[in-house]
PDB file of N, CA and C in Angstrom:
ATOM      1  N   MET A   1     109.391 100.566 103.472  1.00  0.00           N
ATOM      2  CA  MET A   1     108.404 100.471 102.432  1.00  0.00           C
ATOM      3  C   MET A   1     106.879 100.709 103.116  1.00  0.00           C
ATOM      4  N   THR A   2     106.136 101.463 102.314  1.00  0.00           N
ATOM      5  CA  THR A   2     104.729 101.687 102.752  1.00  0.00           C
ATOM      6  C   THR A   2     103.745 101.562 101.735  1.00  0.00           C
ATOM      7  N   MET A   3     102.551 101.416 102.028  1.00  0.00           N
ATOM      8  CA  MET A   3     101.520 101.342 101.033  1.00  0.00           C
ATOM      9  C   MET A   3     100.681 102.600 101.093  1.00  0.00           C
ATOM     10  N   ASP A   4     100.402 103.213  99.951  1.00  0.00           N
ATOM     11  CA  ASP A   4      99.655 104.390  99.888  1.00  0.00           C
ATOM     12  C   ASP A   4      98.302 103.915 100.316  1.00  0.00           C
ATOM     13  N   ALA A   5      97.662 104.751 101.269  1.00  0.00           N
ATOM     14  CA  ALA A   5      96.341 104.356 101.814  1.00  0.00           C
ATOM     15  C   ALA A   5      95.204 104.518 100.666  1.00  0.00           C
ATOM     16  N   ASN A   6      95.425 105.226  99.559  1.00  0.00           N
ATOM     17  CA  ASN A   6      94.479 105.412  98.599  1.00  0.00           C
ATOM     18  C   ASN A   6      94.775 104.638  97.318  1.00  0.00           C
ATOM     19  N   SER A   7      95.790 103.699  97.357  1.00  0.00           N
ATOM     20  CA  SER A   7      96.059 102.687  96.282  1.00  0.00           C
ATOM     21  C   SER A   7      94.918 101.857  95.894  1.00  0.00           C
ATOM     22  N   GLU A   8      95.087 101.213  94.729  1.00  0.00           N
ATOM     23  CA  GLU A   8      94.173 100.135  94.463  1.00  0.00           C
ATOM     24  C   GLU A   8      94.494  98.911  95.330  1.00  0.00           C
ATOM     25  N   GLN A   9      95.511  98.617  95.759  1.00  0.00           N
ATOM     26  CA  GLN A   9      96.017  97.654  96.628  1.00  0.00           C
ATOM     27  C   GLN A   9      95.185  97.864  97.938  1.00  0.00           C
ATOM     28  N   ALA A  10      95.195  99.144  98.493  1.00  0.00           N
ATOM     29  CA  ALA A  10      94.554  99.449  99.716  1.00  0.00           C
ATOM     30  C   ALA A  10      93.104  99.304  99.638  1.00  0.00           C
ATOM     31  N   THR A  11      92.528  99.731  98.535  1.00  0.00           N
ATOM     32  CA  THR A  11      91.085  99.487  98.307  1.00  0.00           C
ATOM     33  C   THR A  11      90.720  98.097  98.231  1.00  0.00           C
ATOM     34  N   GLU A  12      91.357  97.262  97.663  1.00  0.00           N
ATOM     35  CA  GLU A  12      91.012  95.890  97.615  1.00  0.00           C
ATOM     36  C   GLU A  12      91.307  95.197  98.968  1.00  0.00           C
ATOM     37  N   ALA A  13      92.353  95.654  99.742  1.00  0.00           N
ATOM     38  CA  ALA A  13      92.515  95.046 101.109  1.00  0.00           C
ATOM     39  C   ALA A  13      91.350  95.513 101.979  1.00  0.00           C
ATOM     40  N   ARG A  14      90.827  96.871 101.911  1.00  0.00           N
ATOM     41  CA  ARG A  14      89.577  97.299 102.641  1.00  0.00           C
ATOM     42  C   ARG A  14      88.472  96.386 102.244  1.00  0.00           C
ATOM     43  N   ALA A  15      88.277  96.039 100.944  1.00  0.00           N
ATOM     44  CA  ALA A  15      87.085  95.404 100.628  1.00  0.00           C
ATOM     45  C   ALA A  15      87.213  94.029 101.234  1.00  0.00           C
ATOM     46  N   ARG A  16      88.285  93.241 101.231  1.00  0.00           N
ATOM     47  CA  ARG A  16      88.514  92.021 101.921  1.00  0.00           C
ATOM     48  C   ARG A  16      88.179  92.078 103.450  1.00  0.00           C
ATOM     49  N   LEU A  17      88.755  93.073 103.971  1.00  0.00           N
ATOM     50  CA  LEU A  17      88.556  93.255 105.397  1.00  0.00           C
ATOM     51  C   LEU A  17      87.116  93.507 105.738  1.00  0.00           C
ATOM     52  N   THR A  18      86.486  94.285 104.983  1.00  0.00           N
ATOM     53  CA  THR A  18      85.110  94.625 105.182  1.00  0.00           C
ATOM     54  C   THR A  18      84.198  93.398 105.155  1.00  0.00           C
ATOM     55  N   ALA A  19      84.530  92.534 104.126  1.00  0.00           N
ATOM     56  CA  ALA A  19      83.814  91.253 104.028  1.00  0.00           C
ATOM     57  C   ALA A  19      84.124  90.428 105.180  1.00  0.00           C
ATOM     58  N   GLU A  20      85.337  90.296 105.571  1.00  0.00           N
ATOM     59  CA  GLU A  20      85.640  89.498 106.792  1.00  0.00           C
ATOM     60  C   GLU A  20      84.997  89.985 108.100  1.00  0.00           C
ATOM     61  N   ARG A  21      84.930  91.378 108.318  1.00  0.00           N
ATOM     62  CA  ARG A  21      84.205  91.917 109.469  1.00  0.00           C
ATOM     63  C   ARG A  21      82.861  91.484 109.361  1.00  0.00           C
ATOM     64  N   GLU A  22      82.192  91.582 108.233  1.00  0.00           N
ATOM     65  CA  GLU A  22      80.732  91.305 108.100  1.00  0.00           C
ATOM     66  C   GLU A  22      80.473  89.862 108.448  1.00  0.00           C
ATOM     67  N   ARG A  23      81.434  88.888 107.995  1.00  0.00           N
ATOM     68  CA  ARG A  23      81.294  87.465 108.248  1.00  0.00           C
ATOM     69  C   ARG A  23      81.368  87.246 109.806  1.00  0.00           C
ATOM     70  N   LEU A  24      82.262  87.878 110.465  1.00  0.00           N
ATOM     71  CA  LEU A  24      82.542  87.688 111.810  1.00  0.00           C
ATOM     72  C   LEU A  24      81.365  88.306 112.698  1.00  0.00           C
ATOM     73  N   GLU A  25      80.984  89.465 112.289  1.00  0.00           N
ATOM     74  CA  GLU A  25      79.727  90.032 112.958  1.00  0.00           C
ATOM     75  C   GLU A  25      78.586  89.154 112.939  1.00  0.00           C
ATOM     76  N   THR A  26      78.359  88.591 111.657  1.00  0.00           N
ATOM     77  CA  THR A  26      77.081  87.560 111.468  1.00  0.00           C
ATOM     78  C   THR A  26      77.247  86.560 112.393  1.00  0.00           C
ATOM     79  N   THR A  27      78.553  85.912 112.379  1.00  0.00           N
ATOM     80  CA  THR A  27      78.818  84.786 113.237  1.00  0.00           C
ATOM     81  C   THR A  27      78.527  85.081 114.658  1.00  0.00           C
ATOM     82  N   MET A  28      79.031  86.191 115.171  1.00  0.00           N
ATOM     83  CA  MET A  28      78.876  86.643 116.573  1.00  0.00           C
ATOM     84  C   MET A  28      77.360  86.801 116.887  1.00  0.00           C
ATOM     85  N   GLN A  29      76.588  87.498 116.002  1.00  0.00           N
ATOM     86  CA  GLN A  29      75.113  87.604 116.194  1.00  0.00           C
ATOM     87  C   GLN A  29      74.309  86.263 116.239  1.00  0.00           C
ATOM     88  N   GLU A  30      74.744  85.416 115.408  1.00  0.00           N
ATOM     89  CA  GLU A  30      74.086  84.170 115.493  1.00  0.00           C
ATOM     90  C   GLU A  30      74.376  83.404 116.706  1.00  0.00           C
ATOM     91  N   LEU A  31      75.767  83.359 117.118  1.00  0.00           N
ATOM     92  CA  LEU A  31      76.056  82.776 118.418  1.00  0.00           C
ATOM     93  C   LEU A  31      75.221  83.316 119.595  1.00  0.00           C
ATOM     94  N   VAL A  32      75.128  84.752 119.718  1.00  0.00           N
ATOM     95  CA  VAL A  32      74.558  85.355 120.698  1.00  0.00           C
ATOM     96  C   VAL A  32      73.041  85.060 120.765  1.00  0.00           C
ATOM     97  N   ALA A  33      72.476  85.096 119.501  1.00  0.00           N
ATOM     98  CA  ALA A  33      71.005  84.811 119.403  1.00  0.00           C
ATOM     99  C   ALA A  33      70.723  83.327 119.765  1.00  0.00           C
ATOM    100  N   GLY A  34      71.522  82.452 119.413  1.00  0.00           N
ATOM    101  CA  GLY A  34      71.346  80.970 119.890  1.00  0.00           C
ATOM    102  C   GLY A  34      71.443  80.900 121.357  1.00  0.00           C
ATOM    103  N   TYR A  35      72.435  81.548 121.925  1.00  0.00           N
ATOM    104  CA  TYR A  35      72.511  81.508 123.376  1.00  0.00           C
ATOM    105  C   TYR A  35      71.302  82.145 124.193  1.00  0.00           C
ATOM    106  N   ARG A  36      70.805  83.276 123.504  1.00  0.00           N
ATOM    107  CA  ARG A  36      69.625  83.947 124.110  1.00  0.00           C
ATOM    108  C   ARG A  36      68.333  83.065 123.889  1.00  0.00           C
ATOM    109  N   GLU A  37      68.176  82.346 122.853  1.00  0.00           N
ATOM    110  CA  GLU A  37      67.078  81.555 122.496  1.00  0.00           C
ATOM    111  C   GLU A  37      67.044  80.325 123.449  1.00  0.00           C
ATOM    112  N   SER A  38      68.254  79.901 123.796  1.00  0.00           N
ATOM    113  CA  SER A  38      68.285  78.800 124.772  1.00  0.00           C
ATOM    114  C   SER A  38      67.938  79.149 126.181  1.00  0.00           C
ATOM    115  N   GLY A  39      67.960  80.428 126.279  1.00  0.00           N
ATOM    116  CA  GLY A  39      67.997  80.901 127.861  1.00  0.00           C
ATOM    117  C   GLY A  39      69.108  80.887 128.587  1.00  0.00           C
ATOM    118  N   GLY A  40      70.231  80.951 127.812  1.00  0.00           N
ATOM    119  CA  GLY A  40      71.439  80.914 128.544  1.00  0.00           C
ATOM    120  C   GLY A  40      72.036  79.450 128.591  1.00  0.00           C
ATOM    121  N   ILE A  41      72.399  79.025 129.732  1.00  0.00           N
ATOM    122  CA  ILE A  41      73.029  77.712 129.945  1.00  0.00           C
ATOM    123  C   ILE A  41      71.669  76.648 129.874  1.00  0.00           C
ATOM    124  N   SER A  42      71.898  75.905 128.875  1.00  0.00           N
ATOM    125  CA  SER A  42      70.807  74.885 128.686  1.00  0.00           C
ATOM    126  C   SER A  42      70.973  73.735 129.631  1.00  0.00           C
ATOM    127  N   THR A  43      69.841  73.255 130.249  1.00  0.00           N
ATOM    128  CA  THR A  43      69.934  72.032 130.886  1.00  0.00           C
ATOM    129  C   THR A  43      69.127  70.866 130.262  1.00  0.00           C
ATOM    130  N   LEU A  44      68.916  70.958 129.024  1.00  0.00           N
ATOM    131  CA  LEU A  44      68.033  70.234 128.217  1.00  0.00           C
ATOM    132  C   LEU A  44      68.741  68.624 128.275  1.00  0.00           C
ATOM    133  N   SER A  45      70.056  68.581 128.338  1.00  0.00           N
ATOM    134  CA  SER A  45      70.666  67.370 128.203  1.00  0.00           C
ATOM    135  C   SER A  45      70.471  66.538 129.552  1.00  0.00           C
ATOM    136  N   GLY A  46      70.233  67.307 130.676  1.00  0.00           N
ATOM    137  CA  GLY A  46      70.063  66.705 131.915  1.00  0.00           C
ATOM    138  C   GLY A  46      71.508  66.459 132.537  1.00  0.00           C
ATOM    139  N   ASP A  47      72.444  66.953 131.865  1.00  0.00           N
ATOM    140  CA  ASP A  47      73.866  66.930 132.423  1.00  0.00           C
ATOM    141  C   ASP A  47      74.473  68.299 132.690  1.00  0.00           C
ATOM    142  N   ALA A  48      74.359  68.810 133.818  1.00  0.00           N
ATOM    143  CA  ALA A  48      74.677  70.181 134.045  1.00  0.00           C
ATOM    144  C   ALA A  48      76.164  70.272 133.721  1.00  0.00           C
ATOM    145  N   GLY A  49      77.022  69.382 133.962  1.00  0.00           N
ATOM    146  CA  GLY A  49      78.373  69.598 133.642  1.00  0.00           C
ATOM    147  C   GLY A  49      78.645  69.864 132.138  1.00  0.00           C
ATOM    148  N   ALA A  50      78.014  68.973 131.286  1.00  0.00           N
ATOM    149  CA  ALA A  50      78.034  69.040 129.880  1.00  0.00           C
ATOM    150  C   ALA A  50      77.583  70.409 129.408  1.00  0.00           C
ATOM    151  N   ASP A  51      76.485  70.857 130.089  1.00  0.00           N
ATOM    152  CA  ASP A  51      75.739  72.181 129.713  1.00  0.00           C
ATOM    153  C   ASP A  51      76.759  73.211 130.001  1.00  0.00           C
ATOM    154  N   SER A  52      77.479  73.268 131.221  1.00  0.00           N
ATOM    155  CA  SER A  52      78.268  74.207 131.551  1.00  0.00           C
ATOM    156  C   SER A  52      79.571  74.247 130.539  1.00  0.00           C
ATOM    157  N   THR A  53      79.995  73.044 130.291  1.00  0.00           N
ATOM    158  CA  THR A  53      81.129  73.005 129.286  1.00  0.00           C
ATOM    159  C   THR A  53      80.675  73.548 127.915  1.00  0.00           C
ATOM    160  N   GLN A  54      79.634  73.399 127.462  1.00  0.00           N
ATOM    161  CA  GLN A  54      79.057  73.871 126.175  1.00  0.00           C
ATOM    162  C   GLN A  54      78.999  75.539 126.341  1.00  0.00           C
ATOM    163  N   ALA A  55      78.572  75.927 127.533  1.00  0.00           N
ATOM    164  CA  ALA A  55      78.463  77.443 127.703  1.00  0.00           C
ATOM    165  C   ALA A  55      79.987  78.022 127.705  1.00  0.00           C
ATOM    166  N   ASP A  56      80.929  77.321 128.422  1.00  0.00           N
ATOM    167  CA  ASP A  56      82.285  77.837 128.409  1.00  0.00           C
ATOM    168  C   ASP A  56      82.836  77.789 126.933  1.00  0.00           C
ATOM    169  N   ALA A  57      82.408  76.827 126.115  1.00  0.00           N
ATOM    170  CA  ALA A  57      82.944  76.836 124.683  1.00  0.00           C
ATOM    171  C   ALA A  57      82.326  77.948 123.889  1.00  0.00           C
ATOM    172  N   ASP A  58      81.081  78.236 124.278  1.00  0.00           N
ATOM    173  CA  ASP A  58      80.411  79.364 123.479  1.00  0.00           C
ATOM    174  C   ASP A  58      81.086  80.623 123.813  1.00  0.00           C
ATOM    175  N   ILE A  59      81.390  80.801 125.123  1.00  0.00           N
ATOM    176  CA  ILE A  59      82.056  81.976 125.601  1.00  0.00           C
ATOM    177  C   ILE A  59      83.443  82.165 124.907  1.00  0.00           C
ATOM    178  N   GLY A  60      84.129  81.035 124.935  1.00  0.00           N
ATOM    179  CA  GLY A  60      85.573  80.986 124.176  1.00  0.00           C
ATOM    180  C   GLY A  60      85.489  81.342 122.744  1.00  0.00           C
ATOM    181  N   LEU A  61      84.345  80.968 122.037  1.00  0.00           N
ATOM    182  CA  LEU A  61      84.151  81.222 120.748  1.00  0.00           C
ATOM    183  C   LEU A  61      83.825  82.743 120.513  1.00  0.00           C
ATOM    184  N   GLN A  62      82.916  83.265 121.330  1.00  0.00           N
ATOM    185  CA  GLN A  62      82.848  84.722 121.380  1.00  0.00           C
ATOM    186  C   GLN A  62      84.145  85.423 121.523  1.00  0.00           C
ATOM    187  N   GLN A  63      84.991  84.987 122.515  1.00  0.00           N
ATOM    188  CA  GLN A  63      86.175  85.642 122.708  1.00  0.00           C
ATOM    189  C   GLN A  63      87.132  85.608 121.447  1.00  0.00           C
ATOM    190  N   ASP A  64      87.097  84.490 120.849  1.00  0.00           N
ATOM    191  CA  ASP A  64      87.838  84.233 119.594  1.00  0.00           C
ATOM    192  C   ASP A  64      87.255  85.112 118.487  1.00  0.00           C
ATOM    193  N   ILE A  65      86.151  85.307 118.326  1.00  0.00           N
ATOM    194  CA  ILE A  65      85.566  86.165 117.398  1.00  0.00           C
ATOM    195  C   ILE A  65      85.972  87.619 117.600  1.00  0.00           C
ATOM    196  N   GLN A  66      85.742  87.953 118.758  1.00  0.00           N
ATOM    197  CA  GLN A  66      86.159  89.266 119.163  1.00  0.00           C
ATOM    198  C   GLN A  66      87.722  89.667 118.962  1.00  0.00           C
ATOM    199  N   HIS A  67      88.508  88.676 119.184  1.00  0.00           N
ATOM    200  CA  HIS A  67      89.797  88.831 118.923  1.00  0.00           C
ATOM    201  C   HIS A  67      90.139  89.084 117.321  1.00  0.00           C
ATOM    202  N   GLN A  68      89.352  88.161 116.496  1.00  0.00           N
ATOM    203  CA  GLN A  68      89.485  88.365 115.026  1.00  0.00           C
ATOM    204  C   GLN A  68      88.930  89.695 114.663  1.00  0.00           C
ATOM    205  N   LEU A  69      87.908  90.233 115.289  1.00  0.00           N
ATOM    206  CA  LEU A  69      87.330  91.487 114.867  1.00  0.00           C
ATOM    207  C   LEU A  69      88.444  92.598 115.293  1.00  0.00           C
ATOM    208  N   ASP A  70      89.029  92.429 116.490  1.00  0.00           N
ATOM    209  CA  ASP A  70      90.092  93.400 116.792  1.00  0.00           C
ATOM    210  C   ASP A  70      91.332  93.342 115.820  1.00  0.00           C
ATOM    211  N   GLU A  71      91.602  92.117 115.230  1.00  0.00           N
ATOM    212  CA  GLU A  71      92.618  92.027 114.202  1.00  0.00           C
ATOM    213  C   GLU A  71      92.165  92.894 112.863  1.00  0.00           C
ATOM    214  N   VAL A  72      90.971  92.655 112.545  1.00  0.00           N
ATOM    215  CA  VAL A  72      90.502  93.414 111.395  1.00  0.00           C
ATOM    216  C   VAL A  72      90.732  94.934 111.554  1.00  0.00           C
ATOM    217  N   ASP A  73      90.254  95.335 112.756  1.00  0.00           N
ATOM    218  CA  ASP A  73      90.412  96.813 112.961  1.00  0.00           C
ATOM    219  C   ASP A  73      91.865  97.347 113.069  1.00  0.00           C
ATOM    220  N   ALA A  74      92.746  96.354 113.480  1.00  0.00           N
ATOM    221  CA  ALA A  74      94.174  96.631 113.387  1.00  0.00           C
ATOM    222  C   ALA A  74      94.685  96.724 111.996  1.00  0.00           C
ATOM    223  N   ALA A  75      94.323  95.829 111.125  1.00  0.00           N
ATOM    224  CA  ALA A  75      94.598  95.870 109.796  1.00  0.00           C
ATOM    225  C   ALA A  75      94.091  97.134 109.051  1.00  0.00           C
ATOM    226  N   PHE A  76      92.814  97.594 109.375  1.00  0.00           N
ATOM    227  CA  PHE A  76      92.486  98.867 108.772  1.00  0.00           C
ATOM    228  C   PHE A  76      93.273 100.027 109.261  1.00  0.00           C
ATOM    229  N   ALA A  77      93.827  99.875 110.598  1.00  0.00           N
ATOM    230  CA  ALA A  77      94.724 100.985 111.041  1.00  0.00           C
ATOM    231  C   ALA A  77      96.043 100.916 110.319  1.00  0.00           C
ATOM    232  N   ARG A  78      96.448  99.660 109.913  1.00  0.00           N
ATOM    233  CA  ARG A  78      97.763  99.573 109.138  1.00  0.00           C
ATOM    234  C   ARG A  78      97.566  99.987 107.785  1.00  0.00           C
ATOM    235  N   ILE A  79      96.428  99.986 107.094  1.00  0.00           N
ATOM    236  CA  ILE A  79      96.144 100.590 105.813  1.00  0.00           C
ATOM    237  C   ILE A  79      96.319 102.020 105.905  1.00  0.00           C
ATOM    238  N   ASP A  80      95.516 102.567 106.849  1.00  0.00           N
ATOM    239  CA  ASP A  80      95.528 104.022 107.147  1.00  0.00           C
ATOM    240  C   ASP A  80      97.033 104.654 107.357  1.00  0.00           C
ATOM    241  N   ALA A  81      97.773 103.774 108.126  1.00  0.00           N
ATOM    242  CA  ALA A  81      99.205 104.267 108.441  1.00  0.00           C
ATOM    243  C   ALA A  81     100.166 103.987 107.239  1.00  0.00           C
ATOM    244  N   GLY A  82      99.567 103.144 106.273  1.00  0.00           N
ATOM    245  CA  GLY A  82     100.583 102.831 105.141  1.00  0.00           C
ATOM    246  C   GLY A  82     101.428 101.634 105.439  1.00  0.00           C
ATOM    247  N   THR A  83     101.083 100.901 106.408  1.00  0.00           N
ATOM    248  CA  THR A  83     102.055  99.789 106.718  1.00  0.00           C
ATOM    249  C   THR A  83     101.394  98.421 106.548  1.00  0.00           C
ATOM    250  N   TYR A  84     100.077  98.443 105.974  1.00  0.00           N
ATOM    251  CA  TYR A  84      99.475  97.119 105.639  1.00  0.00           C
ATOM    252  C   TYR A  84     100.328  96.456 104.592  1.00  0.00           C
ATOM    253  N   GLY A  85     100.394  95.154 104.855  1.00  0.00           N
ATOM    254  CA  GLY A  85     101.119  94.181 103.866  1.00  0.00           C
ATOM    255  C   GLY A  85     102.649  94.269 104.130  1.00  0.00           C
ATOM    256  N   ILE A  86     103.152  94.821 105.234  1.00  0.00           N
ATOM    257  CA  ILE A  86     104.562  94.911 105.588  1.00  0.00           C
ATOM    258  C   ILE A  86     104.703  93.964 106.814  1.00  0.00           C
ATOM    259  N   ASP A  87     105.551  93.021 106.782  1.00  0.00           N
ATOM    260  CA  ASP A  87     105.877  92.109 107.891  1.00  0.00           C
ATOM    261  C   ASP A  87     106.320  92.844 108.889  1.00  0.00           C
ATOM    262  N   GLU A  88     105.690  92.750 110.098  1.00  0.00           N
ATOM    263  CA  GLU A  88     106.100  93.533 111.352  1.00  0.00           C
ATOM    264  C   GLU A  88     107.341  92.994 111.882  1.00  0.00           C
ATOM    265  N   VAL A  89     107.896  91.844 111.601  1.00  0.00           N
ATOM    266  CA  VAL A  89     109.207  91.471 112.109  1.00  0.00           C
ATOM    267  C   VAL A  89     110.370  91.745 111.254  1.00  0.00           C
ATOM    268  N   THR A  90     110.153  91.469 109.878  1.00  0.00           N
ATOM    269  CA  THR A  90     111.292  91.732 108.961  1.00  0.00           C
ATOM    270  C   THR A  90     111.281  93.063 108.186  1.00  0.00           C
ATOM    271  N   GLY A  91     110.200  93.606 108.186  1.00  0.00           N
ATOM    272  CA  GLY A  91     109.972  94.859 107.370  1.00  0.00           C
ATOM    273  C   GLY A  91     109.820  94.605 105.813  1.00  0.00           C
ATOM    274  N   GLU A  92     109.803  93.367 105.368  1.00  0.00           N
ATOM    275  CA  GLU A  92     109.575  92.950 104.080  1.00  0.00           C
ATOM    276  C   GLU A  92     108.104  92.877 103.758  1.00  0.00           C
ATOM    277  N   PRO A  93     107.825  92.974 102.419  1.00  0.00           N
ATOM    278  CA  PRO A  93     106.450  92.775 102.002  1.00  0.00           C
ATOM    279  C   PRO A  93     105.949  91.492 102.318  1.00  0.00           C
ATOM    280  N   ILE A  94     104.614  91.313 102.651  1.00  0.00           N
ATOM    281  CA  ILE A  94     104.001  90.183 103.021  1.00  0.00           C
ATOM    282  C   ILE A  94     103.447  89.618 101.656  1.00  0.00           C
ATOM    283  N   ASP A  95     103.649  88.217 101.392  1.00  0.00           N
ATOM    284  CA  ASP A  95     103.225  87.632 100.206  1.00  0.00           C
ATOM    285  C   ASP A  95     101.876  88.011  99.926  1.00  0.00           C
ATOM    286  N   PRO A  96     101.436  88.427  98.704  1.00  0.00           N
ATOM    287  CA  PRO A  96     100.004  88.823  98.266  1.00  0.00           C
ATOM    288  C   PRO A  96      99.065  87.625  98.500  1.00  0.00           C
ATOM    289  N   ALA A  97      99.634  86.482  98.243  1.00  0.00           N
ATOM    290  CA  ALA A  97      98.727  85.216  98.354  1.00  0.00           C
ATOM    291  C   ALA A  97      98.347  85.143  99.859  1.00  0.00           C
ATOM    292  N   ARG A  98      99.337  85.408 100.728  1.00  0.00           N
ATOM    293  CA  ARG A  98      99.035  85.275 102.087  1.00  0.00           C
ATOM    294  C   ARG A  98      98.000  86.234 102.661  1.00  0.00           C
ATOM    295  N   LEU A  99      98.103  87.368 102.092  1.00  0.00           N
ATOM    296  CA  LEU A  99      97.173  88.667 102.420  1.00  0.00           C
ATOM    297  C   LEU A  99      95.765  88.327 101.768  1.00  0.00           C
ATOM    298  N   ASP A 100      95.697  87.534 100.626  1.00  0.00           N
ATOM    299  CA  ASP A 100      94.412  87.097 100.079  1.00  0.00           C
ATOM    300  C   ASP A 100      93.848  86.038 100.973  1.00  0.00           C
ATOM    301  N   ALA A 101      94.561  85.142 101.434  1.00  0.00           N
ATOM    302  CA  ALA A 101      93.995  84.173 102.419  1.00  0.00           C
ATOM    303  C   ALA A 101      93.772  84.525 103.819  1.00  0.00           C
ATOM    304  N   VAL A 102      94.515  85.418 104.228  1.00  0.00           N
ATOM    305  CA  VAL A 102      94.443  85.971 105.680  1.00  0.00           C
ATOM    306  C   VAL A 102      94.704  87.525 105.599  1.00  0.00           C
ATOM    307  N   PRO A 103      93.545  88.250 105.365  1.00  0.00           N
ATOM    308  CA  PRO A 103      93.828  89.696 105.134  1.00  0.00           C
ATOM    309  C   PRO A 103      94.156  90.316 106.448  1.00  0.00           C
ATOM    310  N   THR A 104      94.233  89.765 107.669  1.00  0.00           N
ATOM    311  CA  THR A 104      94.669  90.433 108.836  1.00  0.00           C
ATOM    312  C   THR A 104      96.209  90.072 109.102  1.00  0.00           C
ATOM    313  N   ALA A 105      96.796  89.361 108.250  1.00  0.00           N
ATOM    314  CA  ALA A 105      98.229  88.822 108.501  1.00  0.00           C
ATOM    315  C   ALA A 105      99.197  90.008 108.860  1.00  0.00           C
ATOM    316  N   ARG A 106      99.946  89.762 109.822  1.00  0.00           N
ATOM    317  CA  ARG A 106     100.958  90.799 110.277  1.00  0.00           C
ATOM    318  C   ARG A 106     102.316  90.422 109.713  1.00  0.00           C
ATOM    319  N   THR A 107     102.590  89.083 109.469  1.00  0.00           N
ATOM    320  CA  THR A 107     103.804  88.628 109.152  1.00  0.00           C
ATOM    321  C   THR A 107     103.716  87.426 107.957  1.00  0.00           C
ATOM    322  N   ASN A 108     104.801  87.235 107.361  1.00  0.00           N
ATOM    323  CA  ASN A 108     104.871  86.197 106.397  1.00  0.00           C
ATOM    324  C   ASN A 108     105.096  84.772 107.168  1.00  0.00           C
ATOM    325  N   ILE A 109     104.915  83.793 106.469  1.00  0.00           N
ATOM    326  CA  ILE A 109     105.050  82.495 107.019  1.00  0.00           C
ATOM    327  C   ILE A 109     106.520  82.050 106.467  1.00  0.00           C
ATOM    328  N   ASP A 110     107.252  81.506 107.200  1.00  0.00           N
ATOM    329  CA  ASP A 110     108.520  81.004 106.860  1.00  0.00           C
ATOM    330  C   ASP A 110     108.589  79.569 106.227  1.00  0.00           C
TER     331      ASP A 110
END
């Protein structure tokens, strides 16, 4: 089963994915701007260990956001390939409510 890349369903999926991409890019920009404004690793707390831990958390958050952006790109590719909304494990359609909640979903939830 495939989805027509020009269907109304594909258009709606692209709109959801575009909104998600914009949200993630804004979050990433805010994170990077905050990091730059603080001059990188902040030592305001007087606790270098805590400051290093915060920097590690920020880097982890950036990596997570990048992963989510990669998932958005992969979902766009599935739309173009006509496989968006198809469970990658079972080949069955993914529940539309799941795709509404998680537009990058690759599988159904059992």
